[in-house]
Amino acid sequence: CNIDPSYRYSISLNHTAVHLINHSIRRHFNNESAVLQAGSLVRPNSFKFEFKFNGILLDRLSNIDLKQIEALCNDLIQKKLDIVIN
């Protein structure tokens, strides 16, 4: 098995970003059970994250919601938490 380290690293960054966004959305709406990840697609240069809120697939959030979720993500990033790859 051959692994391309730079490809794997870029995938892992975007995979981690999906987790950060998922966590931040749940915190923003302050309801763990109301937010459900509906799907994600992780690529080396991009990712897609889909979720349902109270059973409804949301394709848009307000600008205020987006800014608050972004701030939560940035707060997590600023903590410089260790990332473990298994």
PDB file of N, CA and C in Angstrom:
ATOM      1  N   CYS A   1       0.847  -1.170   0.000  1.00  0.00           N
ATOM      2  CA  CYS A   1       0.000   0.000   0.000  1.00  0.00           C
ATOM      3  C   CYS A   1       0.900   1.244   0.000  1.00  0.00           C
ATOM      4  N   ASN A   2       0.690   2.114  -0.943  1.00  0.00           N
ATOM      5  CA  ASN A   2       1.434   3.366  -1.011  1.00  0.00           C
ATOM      6  C   ASN A   2       0.515   4.520  -0.624  1.00  0.00           C
ATOM      7  N   ILE A   3       1.013   5.360   0.256  1.00  0.00           N
ATOM      8  CA  ILE A   3       0.238   6.506   0.716  1.00  0.00           C
ATOM      9  C   ILE A   3       0.984   7.780   0.337  1.00  0.00           C
ATOM     10  N   ASP A   4       0.271   8.687  -0.315  1.00  0.00           N
ATOM     11  CA  ASP A   4       0.836   9.983  -0.665  1.00  0.00           C
ATOM     12  C   ASP A   4       0.665  10.900   0.551  1.00  0.00           C
ATOM     13  N   PRO A   5       1.758  11.221   1.251  1.00  0.00           N
ATOM     14  CA  PRO A   5       1.641  12.006   2.492  1.00  0.00           C
ATOM     15  C   PRO A   5       0.992  13.374   2.309  1.00  0.00           C
ATOM     16  N   SER A   6       1.290  14.089   1.235  1.00  0.00           N
ATOM     17  CA  SER A   6       0.702  15.427   1.067  1.00  0.00           C
ATOM     18  C   SER A   6      -0.799  15.331   0.759  1.00  0.00           C
ATOM     19  N   TYR A   7      -1.192  14.318  -0.005  1.00  0.00           N
ATOM     20  CA  TYR A   7      -2.613  14.105  -0.304  1.00  0.00           C
ATOM     21  C   TYR A   7      -3.352  13.745   0.989  1.00  0.00           C
ATOM     22  N   ARG A   8      -2.787  12.819   1.756  1.00  0.00           N
ATOM     23  CA  ARG A   8      -3.415  12.406   3.018  1.00  0.00           C
ATOM     24  C   ARG A   8      -3.517  13.582   3.983  1.00  0.00           C
ATOM     25  N   TYR A   9      -2.492  14.412   4.045  1.00  0.00           N
ATOM     26  CA  TYR A   9      -2.503  15.556   4.949  1.00  0.00           C
ATOM     27  C   TYR A   9      -3.610  16.539   4.562  1.00  0.00           C
ATOM     28  N   SER A  10      -3.742  16.839   3.285  1.00  0.00           N
ATOM     29  CA  SER A  10      -4.783  17.778   2.858  1.00  0.00           C
ATOM     30  C   SER A  10      -6.176  17.211   3.103  1.00  0.00           C
ATOM     31  N   ILE A  11      -6.343  15.907   2.916  1.00  0.00           N
ATOM     32  CA  ILE A  11      -7.625  15.270   3.227  1.00  0.00           C
ATOM     33  C   ILE A  11      -7.901  15.370   4.725  1.00  0.00           C
ATOM     34  N   SER A  12      -6.875  15.122   5.545  1.00  0.00           N
ATOM     35  CA  SER A  12      -7.083  15.151   6.997  1.00  0.00           C
ATOM     36  C   SER A  12      -7.451  16.556   7.491  1.00  0.00           C
ATOM     37  N   LEU A  13      -6.888  17.598   6.888  1.00  0.00           N
ATOM     38  CA  LEU A  13      -7.258  18.964   7.272  1.00  0.00           C
ATOM     39  C   LEU A  13      -8.742  19.219   7.020  1.00  0.00           C
ATOM     40  N   ASN A  14      -9.222  18.837   5.844  1.00  0.00           N
ATOM     41  CA  ASN A  14     -10.627  19.070   5.517  1.00  0.00           C
ATOM     42  C   ASN A  14     -11.552  18.146   6.303  1.00  0.00           C
ATOM     43  N   HIS A  15     -11.088  16.941   6.606  1.00  0.00           N
ATOM     44  CA  HIS A  15     -11.877  16.023   7.429  1.00  0.00           C
ATOM     45  C   HIS A  15     -12.044  16.619   8.835  1.00  0.00           C
ATOM     46  N   THR A  16     -10.964  17.176   9.370  1.00  0.00           N
ATOM     47  CA  THR A  16     -11.022  17.818  10.678  1.00  0.00           C
ATOM     48  C   THR A  16     -11.953  19.034  10.632  1.00  0.00           C
ATOM     49  N   ALA A  17     -11.921  19.773   9.544  1.00  0.00           N
ATOM     50  CA  ALA A  17     -12.803  20.938   9.395  1.00  0.00           C
ATOM     51  C   ALA A  17     -14.275  20.534   9.465  1.00  0.00           C
ATOM     52  N   VAL A  18     -14.616  19.399   8.880  1.00  0.00           N
ATOM     53  CA  VAL A  18     -15.998  18.902   8.947  1.00  0.00           C
ATOM     54  C   VAL A  18     -16.393  18.671  10.407  1.00  0.00           C
ATOM     55  N   HIS A  19     -15.493  18.075  11.190  1.00  0.00           N
ATOM     56  CA  HIS A  19     -15.789  17.846  12.607  1.00  0.00           C
ATOM     57  C   HIS A  19     -15.940  19.166  13.366  1.00  0.00           C
ATOM     58  N   LEU A  20     -15.084  20.136  13.066  1.00  0.00           N
ATOM     59  CA  LEU A  20     -15.174  21.445  13.724  1.00  0.00           C
ATOM     60  C   LEU A  20     -16.506  22.126  13.414  1.00  0.00           C
ATOM     61  N   ILE A  21     -16.899  22.067  12.167  1.00  0.00           N
ATOM     62  CA  ILE A  21     -18.165  22.701  11.767  1.00  0.00           C
ATOM     63  C   ILE A  21     -19.349  21.982  12.399  1.00  0.00           C
ATOM     64  N   ASN A  22     -19.325  20.664  12.377  1.00  0.00           N
ATOM     65  CA  ASN A  22     -20.409  19.888  12.980  1.00  0.00           C
ATOM     66  C   ASN A  22     -20.544  20.254  14.461  1.00  0.00           C
ATOM     67  N   HIS A  23     -19.441  20.274  15.172  1.00  0.00           N
ATOM     68  CA  HIS A  23     -19.459  20.622  16.597  1.00  0.00           C
ATOM     69  C   HIS A  23     -19.964  22.055  16.803  1.00  0.00           C
ATOM     70  N   SER A  24     -19.485  22.972  15.995  1.00  0.00           N
ATOM     71  CA  SER A  24     -19.861  24.380  16.146  1.00  0.00           C
ATOM     72  C   SER A  24     -21.335  24.619  15.834  1.00  0.00           C
ATOM     73  N   ILE A  25     -21.874  23.926  14.859  1.00  0.00           N
ATOM     74  CA  ILE A  25     -23.310  24.053  14.548  1.00  0.00           C
ATOM     75  C   ILE A  25     -24.141  23.562  15.726  1.00  0.00           C
ATOM     76  N   ARG A  26     -23.749  22.428  16.297  1.00  0.00           N
ATOM     77  CA  ARG A  26     -24.480  21.889  17.453  1.00  0.00           C
ATOM     78  C   ARG A  26     -24.424  22.863  18.630  1.00  0.00           C
ATOM     79  N   ARG A  27     -23.256  23.455  18.877  1.00  0.00           N
ATOM     80  CA  ARG A  27     -23.126  24.438  19.964  1.00  0.00           C
ATOM     81  C   ARG A  27     -23.942  25.686  19.674  1.00  0.00           C
ATOM     82  N   HIS A  28     -23.907  26.127  18.412  1.00  0.00           N
ATOM     83  CA  HIS A  28     -24.641  27.346  18.038  1.00  0.00           C
ATOM     84  C   HIS A  28     -26.135  27.187  18.302  1.00  0.00           C
ATOM     85  N   PHE A  29     -26.679  26.057  17.901  1.00  0.00           N
ATOM     86  CA  PHE A  29     -28.112  25.833  18.084  1.00  0.00           C
ATOM     87  C   PHE A  29     -28.432  25.305  19.483  1.00  0.00           C
ATOM     88  N   ASN A  30     -27.369  25.025  20.268  1.00  0.00           N
ATOM     89  CA  ASN A  30     -27.515  24.607  21.664  1.00  0.00           C
ATOM     90  C   ASN A  30     -28.458  23.418  21.815  1.00  0.00           C
ATOM     91  N   ASN A  31     -28.361  22.483  20.863  1.00  0.00           N
ATOM     92  CA  ASN A  31     -29.224  21.313  20.925  1.00  0.00           C
ATOM     93  C   ASN A  31     -28.563  20.177  20.163  1.00  0.00           C
ATOM     94  N   GLU A  32     -27.891  19.293  20.892  1.00  0.00           N
ATOM     95  CA  GLU A  32     -27.167  18.185  20.264  1.00  0.00           C
ATOM     96  C   GLU A  32     -28.084  17.282  19.445  1.00  0.00           C
ATOM     97  N   SER A  33     -29.285  17.015  19.936  1.00  0.00           N
ATOM     98  CA  SER A  33     -30.164  16.056  19.264  1.00  0.00           C
ATOM     99  C   SER A  33     -30.911  16.661  18.077  1.00  0.00           C
ATOM    100  N   ALA A  34     -30.946  17.998  17.975  1.00  0.00           N
ATOM    101  CA  ALA A  34     -31.685  18.630  16.883  1.00  0.00           C
ATOM    102  C   ALA A  34     -30.864  18.704  15.605  1.00  0.00           C
ATOM    103  N   VAL A  35     -29.547  18.548  15.715  1.00  0.00           N
ATOM    104  CA  VAL A  35     -28.665  18.664  14.562  1.00  0.00           C
ATOM    105  C   VAL A  35     -28.135  17.281  14.205  1.00  0.00           C
ATOM    106  N   LEU A  36     -28.334  16.879  12.954  1.00  0.00           N
ATOM    107  CA  LEU A  36     -27.886  15.569  12.485  1.00  0.00           C
ATOM    108  C   LEU A  36     -27.110  15.735  11.188  1.00  0.00           C
ATOM    109  N   GLN A  37     -25.896  15.196  11.159  1.00  0.00           N
ATOM    110  CA  GLN A  37     -25.122  15.239   9.919  1.00  0.00           C
ATOM    111  C   GLN A  37     -25.814  14.367   8.887  1.00  0.00           C
ATOM    112  N   ALA A  38     -26.103  14.954   7.730  1.00  0.00           N
ATOM    113  CA  ALA A  38     -26.797  14.235   6.667  1.00  0.00           C
ATOM    114  C   ALA A  38     -25.828  13.712   5.616  1.00  0.00           C
ATOM    115  N   GLY A  39     -24.627  14.267   5.579  1.00  0.00           N
ATOM    116  CA  GLY A  39     -23.639  13.804   4.622  1.00  0.00           C
ATOM    117  C   GLY A  39     -22.456  14.746   4.573  1.00  0.00           C
ATOM    118  N   SER A  40     -21.363  14.217   4.066  1.00  0.00           N
ATOM    119  CA  SER A  40     -20.194  15.058   3.844  1.00  0.00           C
ATOM    120  C   SER A  40     -19.373  14.462   2.712  1.00  0.00           C
ATOM    121  N   LEU A  41     -18.660  15.314   2.040  1.00  0.00           N
ATOM    122  CA  LEU A  41     -17.751  14.912   0.978  1.00  0.00           C
ATOM    123  C   LEU A  41     -16.454  15.656   1.216  1.00  0.00           C
ATOM    124  N   VAL A  42     -15.372  14.902   1.429  1.00  0.00           N
ATOM    125  CA  VAL A  42     -14.083  15.507   1.740  1.00  0.00           C
ATOM    126  C   VAL A  42     -13.133  15.252   0.578  1.00  0.00           C
ATOM    127  N   ARG A  43     -12.564  16.336   0.082  1.00  0.00           N
ATOM    128  CA  ARG A  43     -11.580  16.284  -1.004  1.00  0.00           C
ATOM    129  C   ARG A  43     -10.323  17.011  -0.539  1.00  0.00           C
ATOM    130  N   PRO A  44      -9.225  16.878  -1.268  1.00  0.00           N
ATOM    131  CA  PRO A  44      -7.986  17.547  -0.847  1.00  0.00           C
ATOM    132  C   PRO A  44      -8.102  19.071  -0.783  1.00  0.00           C
ATOM    133  N   ASN A  45      -8.893  19.679  -1.669  1.00  0.00           N
ATOM    134  CA  ASN A  45      -8.972  21.140  -1.736  1.00  0.00           C
ATOM    135  C   ASN A  45     -10.322  21.717  -1.330  1.00  0.00           C
ATOM    136  N   SER A  46     -11.231  20.843  -0.903  1.00  0.00           N
ATOM    137  CA  SER A  46     -12.558  21.333  -0.539  1.00  0.00           C
ATOM    138  C   SER A  46     -13.308  20.263   0.251  1.00  0.00           C
ATOM    139  N   PHE A  47     -14.425  20.680   0.815  1.00  0.00           N
ATOM    140  CA  PHE A  47     -15.316  19.715   1.450  1.00  0.00           C
ATOM    141  C   PHE A  47     -16.738  20.246   1.397  1.00  0.00           C
ATOM    142  N   LYS A  48     -17.676  19.332   1.570  1.00  0.00           N
ATOM    143  CA  LYS A  48     -19.095  19.668   1.585  1.00  0.00           C
ATOM    144  C   LYS A  48     -19.669  19.059   2.854  1.00  0.00           C
ATOM    145  N   PHE A  49     -20.486  19.821   3.554  1.00  0.00           N
ATOM    146  CA  PHE A  49     -21.099  19.349   4.788  1.00  0.00           C
ATOM    147  C   PHE A  49     -22.596  19.613   4.727  1.00  0.00           C
ATOM    148  N   GLU A  50     -23.381  18.577   4.873  1.00  0.00           N
ATOM    149  CA  GLU A  50     -24.835  18.709   4.856  1.00  0.00           C
ATOM    150  C   GLU A  50     -25.368  18.260   6.213  1.00  0.00           C
ATOM    151  N   PHE A  51     -26.351  18.981   6.712  1.00  0.00           N
ATOM    152  CA  PHE A  51     -26.945  18.575   7.976  1.00  0.00           C
ATOM    153  C   PHE A  51     -28.433  18.866   7.983  1.00  0.00           C
ATOM    154  N   LYS A  52     -29.114  18.157   8.880  1.00  0.00           N
ATOM    155  CA  LYS A  52     -30.539  18.389   9.100  1.00  0.00           C
ATOM    156  C   LYS A  52     -30.695  19.023  10.473  1.00  0.00           C
ATOM    157  N   PHE A  53     -31.595  19.979  10.544  1.00  0.00           N
ATOM    158  CA  PHE A  53     -31.936  20.612  11.812  1.00  0.00           C
ATOM    159  C   PHE A  53     -33.399  20.328  12.094  1.00  0.00           C
ATOM    160  N   ASN A  54     -33.661  19.619  13.183  1.00  0.00           N
ATOM    161  CA  ASN A  54     -35.024  19.174  13.512  1.00  0.00           C
ATOM    162  C   ASN A  54     -35.665  18.445  12.329  1.00  0.00           C
ATOM    163  N   GLY A  55     -34.885  17.610  11.654  1.00  0.00           N
ATOM    164  CA  GLY A  55     -35.393  16.787  10.565  1.00  0.00           C
ATOM    165  C   GLY A  55     -35.482  17.481   9.222  1.00  0.00           C
ATOM    166  N   ILE A  56     -35.121  18.750   9.143  1.00  0.00           N
ATOM    167  CA  ILE A  56     -35.203  19.504   7.891  1.00  0.00           C
ATOM    168  C   ILE A  56     -33.792  19.729   7.360  1.00  0.00           C
ATOM    169  N   LEU A  57     -33.537  19.329   6.111  1.00  0.00           N
ATOM    170  CA  LEU A  57     -32.238  19.554   5.491  1.00  0.00           C
ATOM    171  C   LEU A  57     -32.098  21.036   5.196  1.00  0.00           C
ATOM    172  N   LEU A  58     -31.125  21.671   5.844  1.00  0.00           N
ATOM    173  CA  LEU A  58     -30.917  23.100   5.652  1.00  0.00           C
ATOM    174  C   LEU A  58     -29.888  23.325   4.560  1.00  0.00           C
ATOM    175  N   ASP A  59     -30.205  24.129   3.592  1.00  0.00           N
ATOM    176  CA  ASP A  59     -29.228  24.459   2.553  1.00  0.00           C
ATOM    177  C   ASP A  59     -28.710  25.888   2.722  1.00  0.00           C
ATOM    178  N   ARG A  60     -29.312  26.642   3.642  1.00  0.00           N
ATOM    179  CA  ARG A  60     -28.859  28.010   3.905  1.00  0.00           C
ATOM    180  C   ARG A  60     -29.048  28.361   5.368  1.00  0.00           C
ATOM    181  N   LEU A  61     -28.111  29.138   5.861  1.00  0.00           N
ATOM    182  CA  LEU A  61     -28.221  29.713   7.198  1.00  0.00           C
ATOM    183  C   LEU A  61     -28.166  31.227   7.035  1.00  0.00           C
ATOM    184  N   SER A  62     -28.670  31.942   8.024  1.00  0.00           N
ATOM    185  CA  SER A  62     -28.587  33.399   7.954  1.00  0.00           C
ATOM    186  C   SER A  62     -27.126  33.818   8.076  1.00  0.00           C
ATOM    187  N   ASN A  63     -26.815  35.019   7.645  1.00  0.00           N
ATOM    188  CA  ASN A  63     -25.458  35.547   7.774  1.00  0.00           C
ATOM    189  C   ASN A  63     -25.039  35.628   9.235  1.00  0.00           C
ATOM    190  N   ILE A  64     -25.975  35.929  10.106  1.00  0.00           N
ATOM    191  CA  ILE A  64     -25.674  35.988  11.539  1.00  0.00           C
ATOM    192  C   ILE A  64     -25.295  34.599  12.045  1.00  0.00           C
ATOM    193  N   ASP A  65     -26.080  33.579  11.667  1.00  0.00           N
ATOM    194  CA  ASP A  65     -25.752  32.204  12.049  1.00  0.00           C
ATOM    195  C   ASP A  65     -24.367  31.825  11.546  1.00  0.00           C
ATOM    196  N   LEU A  66     -24.087  32.114  10.276  1.00  0.00           N
ATOM    197  CA  LEU A  66     -22.792  31.757   9.693  1.00  0.00           C
ATOM    198  C   LEU A  66     -21.633  32.426  10.427  1.00  0.00           C
ATOM    199  N   LYS A  67     -21.787  33.699  10.745  1.00  0.00           N
ATOM    200  CA  LYS A  67     -20.720  34.419  11.459  1.00  0.00           C
ATOM    201  C   LYS A  67     -20.498  33.844  12.857  1.00  0.00           C
ATOM    202  N   GLN A  68     -21.574  33.474  13.536  1.00  0.00           N
ATOM    203  CA  GLN A  68     -21.440  32.909  14.879  1.00  0.00           C
ATOM    204  C   GLN A  68     -20.820  31.509  14.834  1.00  0.00           C
ATOM    205  N   ILE A  69     -21.211  30.711  13.859  1.00  0.00           N
ATOM    206  CA  ILE A  69     -20.629  29.372  13.700  1.00  0.00           C
ATOM    207  C   ILE A  69     -19.156  29.485  13.329  1.00  0.00           C
ATOM    208  N   GLU A  70     -18.832  30.428  12.452  1.00  0.00           N
ATOM    209  CA  GLU A  70     -17.433  30.665  12.082  1.00  0.00           C
ATOM    210  C   GLU A  70     -16.614  31.070  13.311  1.00  0.00           C
ATOM    211  N   ALA A  71     -17.175  31.922  14.159  1.00  0.00           N
ATOM    212  CA  ALA A  71     -16.464  32.355  15.367  1.00  0.00           C
ATOM    213  C   ALA A  71     -16.210  31.173  16.296  1.00  0.00           C
ATOM    214  N   LEU A  72     -17.188  30.283  16.427  1.00  0.00           N
ATOM    215  CA  LEU A  72     -16.998  29.091  17.253  1.00  0.00           C
ATOM    216  C   LEU A  72     -15.887  28.210  16.692  1.00  0.00           C
ATOM    217  N   CYS A  73     -15.873  28.031  15.372  1.00  0.00           N
ATOM    218  CA  CYS A  73     -14.803  27.246  14.725  1.00  0.00           C
ATOM    219  C   CYS A  73     -13.444  27.902  14.967  1.00  0.00           C
ATOM    220  N   ASN A  74     -13.381  29.206  14.780  1.00  0.00           N
ATOM    221  CA  ASN A  74     -12.117  29.921  14.978  1.00  0.00           C
ATOM    222  C   ASN A  74     -11.633  29.837  16.422  1.00  0.00           C
ATOM    223  N   ASP A  75     -12.570  29.866  17.378  1.00  0.00           N
ATOM    224  CA  ASP A  75     -12.191  29.709  18.781  1.00  0.00           C
ATOM    225  C   ASP A  75     -11.527  28.348  19.014  1.00  0.00           C
ATOM    226  N   LEU A  76     -12.088  27.317  18.411  1.00  0.00           N
ATOM    227  CA  LEU A  76     -11.497  25.976  18.544  1.00  0.00           C
ATOM    228  C   LEU A  76     -10.114  25.922  17.898  1.00  0.00           C
ATOM    229  N   ILE A  77      -9.986  26.521  16.737  1.00  0.00           N
ATOM    230  CA  ILE A  77      -8.699  26.521  16.032  1.00  0.00           C
ATOM    231  C   ILE A  77      -7.647  27.262  16.854  1.00  0.00           C
ATOM    232  N   GLN A  78      -8.031  28.384  17.460  1.00  0.00           N
ATOM    233  CA  GLN A  78      -7.096  29.186  18.249  1.00  0.00           C
ATOM    234  C   GLN A  78      -6.580  28.438  19.481  1.00  0.00           C
ATOM    235  N   LYS A  79      -7.332  27.438  19.931  1.00  0.00           N
ATOM    236  CA  LYS A  79      -6.887  26.639  21.081  1.00  0.00           C
ATOM    237  C   LYS A  79      -5.720  25.718  20.734  1.00  0.00           C
ATOM    238  N   LYS A  80      -5.488  25.519  19.425  1.00  0.00           N
ATOM    239  CA  LYS A  80      -4.381  24.684  18.955  1.00  0.00           C
ATOM    240  C   LYS A  80      -4.395  23.299  19.600  1.00  0.00           C
ATOM    241  N   LEU A  81      -5.577  22.693  19.584  1.00  0.00           N
ATOM    242  CA  LEU A  81      -5.733  21.354  20.133  1.00  0.00           C
ATOM    243  C   LEU A  81      -4.961  20.348  19.281  1.00  0.00           C
ATOM    244  N   ASP A  82      -4.477  19.301  19.924  1.00  0.00           N
ATOM    245  CA  ASP A  82      -3.777  18.252  19.186  1.00  0.00           C
ATOM    246  C   ASP A  82      -4.745  17.510  18.285  1.00  0.00           C
ATOM    247  N   ILE A  83      -4.279  17.151  17.113  1.00  0.00           N
ATOM    248  CA  ILE A  83      -5.042  16.327  16.186  1.00  0.00           C
ATOM    249  C   ILE A  83      -4.360  14.968  16.124  1.00  0.00           C
ATOM    250  N   VAL A  84      -5.149  13.927  16.350  1.00  0.00           N
ATOM    251  CA  VAL A  84      -4.608  12.576  16.358  1.00  0.00           C
ATOM    252  C   VAL A  84      -5.112  11.851  15.127  1.00  0.00           C
ATOM    253  N   ILE A  85      -4.184  11.285  14.377  1.00  0.00           N
ATOM    254  CA  ILE A  85      -4.547  10.504  13.197  1.00  0.00           C
ATOM    255  C   ILE A  85      -4.250   9.044  13.508  1.00  0.00           C
ATOM    256  N   ASN A  86      -5.276   8.217  13.432  1.00  0.00           N
ATOM    257  CA  ASN A  86      -5.128   6.769  13.673  1.00  0.00           C
ATOM    258  C   ASN A  86      -5.250   5.994  12.391  1.00  0.00           C
TER     259      ASN A  86
END
